[in-house]
């Protein structure tokens, strides 16, 4: 059942991040729909609650399934990032993106929607500004974050 939930959520991630990013924001489409997806998808809620509080005996199996979901999310995000970044920078931004998404997962489980919005807006703005600045420097163009 957990594998089914993870597969459904991987398919959702893939579909959501398949289109070119709007406003040049790689990964932004998933960030924007994440809270609504959490509310609407029993599969996402089941996946997260199981992954974050696994029974000790099942932790290795559950961890493998959850990590597979995160790897899909990271790959879809990186597919939207232009190739101007160096491999180490791509890796860092891929991990930072996962950190933002997982932080939002936690706040969606334990806090209310208002806190989720505050956290999303703060982290996403810092992330997208840093990514835009790094990409502009790597491509040799000038960019000033908002």
Protein backbone atom coordinates (compact mmCIF):
# COMPACT_ATOMS: atom_id res chain seq x y z
CA UNK A 1 0.00 0.00 0.00
CA UNK A 2 2.86 2.42 0.78
CA UNK A 3 4.49 1.60 -2.55
CA UNK A 4 1.21 2.41 -4.30
CA UNK A 5 0.97 5.76 -2.49
CA UNK A 6 4.58 6.58 -3.38
CA UNK A 7 3.98 5.68 -7.03
CA UNK A 8 0.89 7.89 -7.20
CA UNK A 9 2.81 10.79 -5.67
CA UNK A 10 5.82 10.24 -7.99
CA UNK A 11 3.42 10.38 -10.93
CA UNK A 12 1.95 13.61 -9.57
CA UNK A 13 5.42 15.15 -9.16
CA UNK A 14 6.43 14.09 -12.66
CA UNK A 15 3.25 15.51 -14.20
CA UNK A 16 3.46 18.74 -12.20
CA UNK A 17 7.10 19.40 -13.09
CA UNK A 18 6.92 18.13 -16.70
CA UNK A 19 6.13 21.53 -18.19
CA UNK A 20 8.77 24.24 -18.48
CA UNK A 21 8.87 26.30 -15.28
CA UNK A 22 6.70 29.39 -15.21
CA UNK A 23 8.47 32.69 -14.59
CA UNK A 24 11.80 30.85 -14.80
CA UNK A 25 11.29 29.25 -11.39
CA UNK A 26 12.43 25.62 -11.50
CA UNK A 27 10.36 23.51 -9.13
CA UNK A 28 7.91 26.33 -8.43
CA UNK A 29 4.87 24.52 -9.80
CA UNK A 30 5.15 21.78 -7.16
CA UNK A 31 5.77 24.26 -4.35
CA UNK A 32 2.66 26.21 -5.38
CA UNK A 33 0.33 23.19 -5.34
CA UNK A 34 1.85 21.35 -2.39
CA UNK A 35 -0.55 22.49 0.35
CA UNK A 36 -3.61 21.81 -1.81
CA UNK A 37 -2.17 18.43 -2.78
CA UNK A 38 -1.65 17.55 0.87
CA UNK A 39 -5.26 18.43 1.66
CA UNK A 40 -6.63 16.53 -1.35
CA UNK A 41 -4.41 13.45 -1.47
CA UNK A 42 -4.83 10.66 1.05
CA UNK A 43 -1.83 9.06 -0.67
CA UNK A 44 0.51 11.96 0.13
CA UNK A 45 -0.71 12.16 3.73
CA UNK A 46 -0.25 8.39 4.15
CA UNK A 47 3.22 8.48 2.57
CA UNK A 48 4.41 11.33 4.80
CA UNK A 49 2.94 10.08 8.06
CA UNK A 50 4.36 6.64 7.45
CA UNK A 51 7.78 7.95 6.41
CA UNK A 52 8.12 10.41 9.28
CA UNK A 53 6.93 8.04 12.03
CA UNK A 54 7.78 4.52 10.85
CA UNK A 55 7.63 1.48 13.08
CA UNK A 56 11.24 0.60 13.96
CA UNK A 57 11.03 -2.86 12.36
CA UNK A 58 9.84 -1.36 9.05
CA UNK A 59 12.10 1.71 8.97
CA UNK A 60 14.55 0.35 6.33
CA UNK A 61 11.77 -0.65 3.93
CA UNK A 62 9.76 2.53 4.46
CA UNK A 63 12.90 4.65 4.20
CA UNK A 64 13.80 3.10 0.85
CA UNK A 65 10.34 3.88 -0.55
CA UNK A 66 10.39 7.44 0.77
CA UNK A 67 13.93 8.09 -0.51
CA UNK A 68 12.79 6.85 -3.93
CA UNK A 69 10.02 9.44 -3.86
CA UNK A 70 12.52 12.18 -2.91
CA UNK A 71 14.93 11.10 -5.65
CA UNK A 72 12.12 11.43 -8.20
CA UNK A 73 11.26 14.89 -6.86
CA UNK A 74 14.89 16.00 -7.00
CA UNK A 75 15.37 14.65 -10.53
CA UNK A 76 12.25 16.45 -11.76
CA UNK A 77 13.42 19.68 -10.15
CA UNK A 78 16.92 19.38 -11.64
CA UNK A 79 15.45 18.69 -15.08
CA UNK A 80 14.01 22.23 -14.90
CA UNK A 81 17.28 23.87 -13.84
CA UNK A 82 19.24 25.27 -16.81
CA UNK A 83 22.60 23.66 -17.46
CA UNK A 84 24.51 26.87 -16.71
CA UNK A 85 25.18 25.77 -13.13
CA UNK A 86 28.21 23.71 -12.24
CA UNK A 87 27.57 20.12 -11.12
CA UNK A 88 28.31 20.98 -7.46
CA UNK A 89 25.90 23.94 -7.58
CA UNK A 90 23.21 21.81 -9.24
CA UNK A 91 23.64 19.23 -6.49
CA UNK A 92 23.45 21.86 -3.73
CA UNK A 93 20.32 23.44 -5.16
CA UNK A 94 18.76 20.01 -5.63
CA UNK A 95 19.33 19.21 -1.97
CA UNK A 96 18.16 22.65 -0.88
CA UNK A 97 14.94 22.17 -2.87
CA UNK A 98 14.32 18.88 -1.08
CA UNK A 99 14.98 20.62 2.24
CA UNK A 100 12.31 23.20 1.47
CA UNK A 101 9.78 20.58 0.38
CA UNK A 102 10.43 18.40 3.44
CA UNK A 103 10.14 21.40 5.74
CA UNK A 104 6.78 22.16 4.18
CA UNK A 105 5.76 18.52 4.61
CA UNK A 106 6.47 18.79 8.33
CA UNK A 107 4.67 22.09 8.81
CA UNK A 108 1.64 20.75 6.90
CA UNK A 109 1.47 17.79 9.28
CA UNK A 110 1.94 19.70 12.52
CA UNK A 111 0.79 23.28 11.93
CA UNK A 112 -2.09 25.12 10.33
CA UNK A 113 -2.45 26.41 6.79
CA UNK A 114 -1.46 29.97 7.75
CA UNK A 115 1.90 28.76 9.06
CA UNK A 116 2.40 26.68 5.92
CA UNK A 117 1.87 29.77 3.76
CA UNK A 118 4.28 31.87 5.83
CA UNK A 119 6.97 29.17 5.72
CA UNK A 120 6.50 28.55 2.00
CA UNK A 121 6.67 32.23 1.06
CA UNK A 122 9.76 32.89 3.17
CA UNK A 123 11.77 29.86 2.10
CA UNK A 124 10.71 29.90 -1.53
CA UNK A 125 11.62 33.57 -1.98
CA UNK A 126 15.07 33.09 -0.46
CA UNK A 127 15.63 29.96 -2.54
CA UNK A 128 14.46 31.34 -5.88
CA UNK A 129 16.45 34.56 -5.39
CA UNK A 130 19.60 32.58 -4.60
CA UNK A 131 19.04 30.28 -7.56
CA UNK A 132 18.36 33.18 -9.94
CA UNK A 133 21.47 35.00 -8.75
CA UNK A 134 23.65 31.90 -9.09
CA UNK A 135 22.29 31.19 -12.57
CA UNK A 136 22.83 34.78 -13.69
CA UNK A 137 26.42 34.74 -12.45
CA UNK A 138 27.06 31.39 -14.10
CA UNK A 139 25.68 32.63 -17.42
CA UNK A 140 27.50 35.97 -17.17
CA UNK A 141 24.39 38.14 -16.98
CA UNK A 142 23.58 40.70 -14.35
CA UNK A 143 20.63 40.11 -12.07
CA UNK A 144 19.52 41.80 -8.89
CA UNK A 145 17.05 39.87 -6.69
CA UNK A 146 13.84 41.66 -5.66
